[in-house]
Protein backbone atom coordinates (compact mmCIF):
# COMPACT_ATOMS: atom_id res chain seq x y z
CA UNK A 1 66.69 5.46 154.83
CA UNK A 2 67.44 9.14 155.35
CA UNK A 3 70.47 10.78 153.81
CA UNK A 4 71.99 11.60 157.22
CA UNK A 5 71.70 7.96 158.36
CA UNK A 6 73.31 6.85 155.10
CA UNK A 7 76.17 9.36 155.53
CA UNK A 8 76.72 8.27 159.13
CA UNK A 9 76.86 4.62 158.09
CA UNK A 10 79.19 5.45 155.23
CA UNK A 11 81.55 7.37 157.54
CA UNK A 12 81.53 4.49 160.01
CA UNK A 13 82.38 2.05 157.24
CA UNK A 14 85.21 4.30 156.06
CA UNK A 15 86.52 4.49 159.62
CA UNK A 16 86.45 0.72 160.06
CA UNK A 17 88.11 0.12 156.67
CA UNK A 18 90.73 2.77 157.41
CA UNK A 19 91.84 1.41 160.75
CA UNK A 20 95.31 0.00 160.84
CA UNK A 21 95.74 -3.52 162.19
CA UNK A 22 98.22 -2.61 164.90
CA UNK A 23 96.38 0.11 166.75
CA UNK A 24 92.89 0.23 165.30
CA UNK A 25 93.12 3.93 164.50
CA UNK A 26 93.85 6.06 161.48
CA UNK A 27 97.52 6.59 160.82
CA UNK A 28 97.98 10.36 160.77
CA UNK A 29 99.35 11.86 157.58
CA UNK A 30 102.79 13.18 158.48
CA UNK A 31 102.76 16.80 157.32
CA UNK A 32 106.57 17.00 157.33
CA UNK A 33 106.80 13.94 155.07
CA UNK A 34 104.07 15.39 152.81
CA UNK A 35 105.91 18.71 152.64
CA UNK A 36 109.17 16.98 151.67
CA UNK A 37 107.39 14.87 149.05
CA UNK A 38 105.62 17.85 147.51
CA UNK A 39 108.81 19.92 147.42
CA UNK A 40 110.70 17.06 145.74
CA UNK A 41 107.93 16.20 143.27
CA UNK A 42 106.73 19.71 142.52
CA UNK A 43 107.11 20.26 138.77
CA UNK A 44 108.90 23.37 137.53
CA UNK A 45 106.34 23.52 134.73
CA UNK A 46 102.87 22.20 134.17
CA UNK A 47 99.52 22.61 132.55
CA UNK A 48 96.20 23.49 134.12
CA UNK A 49 92.49 23.14 133.47
CA UNK A 50 90.59 25.76 135.41
CA UNK A 51 86.91 26.40 136.06
CA UNK A 52 85.72 29.61 137.65
CA UNK A 53 82.09 29.71 138.81
CA UNK A 54 80.69 33.25 139.14
CA UNK A 55 77.71 32.88 141.44
CA UNK A 56 76.23 36.33 140.78
CA UNK A 57 75.98 35.55 137.07
CA UNK A 58 75.43 31.78 137.39
CA UNK A 59 78.25 31.46 134.88
CA UNK A 60 80.99 28.85 134.54
CA UNK A 61 84.20 30.11 132.92
CA UNK A 62 86.53 27.29 131.85
CA UNK A 63 90.12 28.06 130.85
CA UNK A 64 93.36 26.20 130.31
CA UNK A 65 97.01 26.97 129.99
CA UNK A 66 100.40 26.40 131.53
CA UNK A 67 102.54 27.58 134.43
CA UNK A 68 106.24 27.85 135.08
CA UNK A 69 107.82 28.24 138.51
CA UNK A 70 110.94 30.27 139.23
CA UNK A 71 112.65 31.05 142.55
CA UNK A 72 110.78 34.32 143.00
CA UNK A 73 107.75 34.02 140.72
CA UNK A 74 105.19 31.83 139.01
CA UNK A 75 104.30 32.63 135.42
CA UNK A 76 100.63 31.73 134.79
CA UNK A 77 99.80 31.56 131.06
CA UNK A 78 96.20 31.19 129.97
CA UNK A 79 95.89 29.80 126.44
CA UNK A 80 92.09 29.41 126.13
CA UNK A 81 89.64 31.02 125.84
CA UNK A 82 91.84 34.15 125.77
CA UNK A 83 95.63 34.31 125.77
CA UNK A 84 97.08 36.10 128.76
CA UNK A 85 100.11 35.91 131.00
CA UNK A 86 100.59 37.09 134.54
CA UNK A 87 103.70 37.11 136.70
CA UNK A 88 102.75 36.07 140.22
CA UNK A 89 105.40 37.61 142.45
CA UNK A 90 105.67 39.88 145.45
CA UNK A 91 107.41 42.59 143.42
CA UNK A 92 104.71 42.79 140.72
CA UNK A 93 103.08 46.09 141.68
CA UNK A 94 100.40 45.72 138.99
CA UNK A 95 99.04 42.49 140.41
CA UNK A 96 95.26 42.85 141.00
CA UNK A 97 94.08 42.57 144.65
CA UNK A 98 92.49 39.15 144.11
CA UNK A 99 95.79 37.77 142.84
CA UNK A 100 97.65 39.37 145.76
CA UNK A 101 95.40 37.44 148.14
CA UNK A 102 96.11 34.15 146.36
CA UNK A 103 99.81 34.74 145.68
CA UNK A 104 101.29 33.23 148.87
CA UNK A 105 98.88 30.31 148.69
CA UNK A 106 99.64 29.50 145.05
CA UNK A 107 103.40 29.86 145.52
CA UNK A 108 103.38 27.60 148.58
CA UNK A 109 101.10 25.01 146.97
CA UNK A 110 102.95 24.89 143.64
CA UNK A 111 106.33 24.82 145.38
CA UNK A 112 105.35 22.22 147.96
CA UNK A 113 106.10 24.60 150.85
CA UNK A 114 103.77 23.21 153.48
CA UNK A 115 105.40 25.22 156.28
CA UNK A 116 104.34 28.51 154.65
CA UNK A 117 100.79 27.16 154.45
CA UNK A 118 100.83 26.17 158.13
CA UNK A 119 101.79 29.74 159.03
CA UNK A 120 98.54 31.02 157.47
CA UNK A 121 96.04 28.15 157.61
CA UNK A 122 94.61 25.57 159.92
CA UNK A 123 95.19 22.39 157.91
CA UNK A 124 93.22 19.17 158.20
CA UNK A 125 94.69 16.29 156.19
CA UNK A 126 93.44 12.83 155.30
CA UNK A 127 94.93 9.86 153.49
CA UNK A 128 98.50 8.80 152.99
CA UNK A 129 101.41 10.00 150.87
CA UNK A 130 100.09 8.22 147.77
CA UNK A 131 96.57 9.68 147.97
CA UNK A 132 95.90 12.63 150.24
CA UNK A 133 93.57 15.57 150.67
CA UNK A 134 93.74 18.68 152.81
CA UNK A 135 91.35 21.40 153.86
CA UNK A 136 92.95 24.77 154.50
CA UNK A 137 91.04 27.22 156.67
CA UNK A 138 92.56 30.73 156.91
CA UNK A 139 93.78 31.78 160.36
CA UNK A 140 93.34 35.47 159.50
CA UNK A 141 89.67 36.42 159.84
CA UNK A 142 90.01 39.06 157.09
CA UNK A 143 91.15 36.42 154.61
CA UNK A 144 88.50 33.97 155.85
CA UNK A 145 85.83 36.60 155.20
CA UNK A 146 86.70 36.40 151.49
CA UNK A 147 88.13 32.90 151.10
CA UNK A 148 86.81 30.62 153.86
CA UNK A 149 88.08 27.30 152.48
CA UNK A 150 90.67 25.82 150.14
CA UNK A 151 90.67 22.10 149.41
CA UNK A 152 93.66 20.42 147.78
CA UNK A 153 94.26 16.83 146.71
CA UNK A 154 97.16 14.90 145.35
CA UNK A 155 99.35 11.86 145.34
CA UNK A 156 103.06 12.21 144.65
CA UNK A 157 102.40 15.88 143.85
CA UNK A 158 99.60 18.42 144.02
CA UNK A 159 96.79 17.47 141.60
CA UNK A 160 93.83 19.76 142.35
CA UNK A 161 93.05 23.04 144.08
CA UNK A 162 89.47 24.02 144.90
CA UNK A 163 88.74 27.45 146.37
CA UNK A 164 85.37 28.48 147.71
CA UNK A 165 84.80 32.17 148.13
CA UNK A 166 82.38 33.74 150.62
CA UNK A 167 80.30 35.31 147.83
CA UNK A 168 79.52 31.88 146.35
CA UNK A 169 82.18 32.00 143.63
CA UNK A 170 84.37 28.92 143.19
CA UNK A 171 87.67 28.24 141.49
CA UNK A 172 88.77 24.73 140.59
CA UNK A 173 92.19 23.97 139.13
CA UNK A 174 93.48 20.60 137.92
CA UNK A 175 97.26 20.48 137.47
CA UNK A 176 99.50 18.19 135.41
CA UNK A 177 103.30 18.25 135.11
CA UNK A 178 104.79 19.21 131.73
CA UNK A 179 108.16 19.73 130.13
CA UNK A 180 109.43 23.27 130.53
CA UNK A 181 109.93 25.49 127.55
CA UNK A 182 113.11 27.52 127.76
CA UNK A 183 111.29 30.77 128.38
CA UNK A 184 113.22 33.44 130.24
CA UNK A 185 111.65 34.98 133.30
CA UNK A 186 109.40 37.79 132.04
CA UNK A 187 110.45 41.14 133.42
CA UNK A 188 108.24 42.95 135.87
CA UNK A 189 105.71 45.16 134.07
């Protein structure tokens, strides 16, 4: 059996298993309900495991650390392999261009602000509020030329972010909630 026939059969089986008894169709994931859930369940602090694939070098760069959200910023602290800290905010003038591109996306995802995402992405969702996934395709062709796809998954809160860049690079982030340390907001550099 060819792979395409197998995939088609698998998709058909998923469709049949996913039909609801009342109408025989998928129940659409309510983006407003998802947005409310993510905003309510979004942790102020958490940990991350991150893998960055650099296609040009065929190199995988794993890292881990923590993050802390504030009203106007996200503090992203890398603990391994090298300690670093960056303040992700609109007023950080020293933020590298790559971070500037990701800033609104990361802030909206970590804060559960689905409306901000809908202003900048075409969003295709699957699942239900307990287990969902979404593919975000940039509406701006300039952004899409660099970052054509973001895939996110979660349950009660955001669990993973996968970014695929046009040059073949990839960034995968797994998030877990954590207790906040009483760190003050670092001042802008």
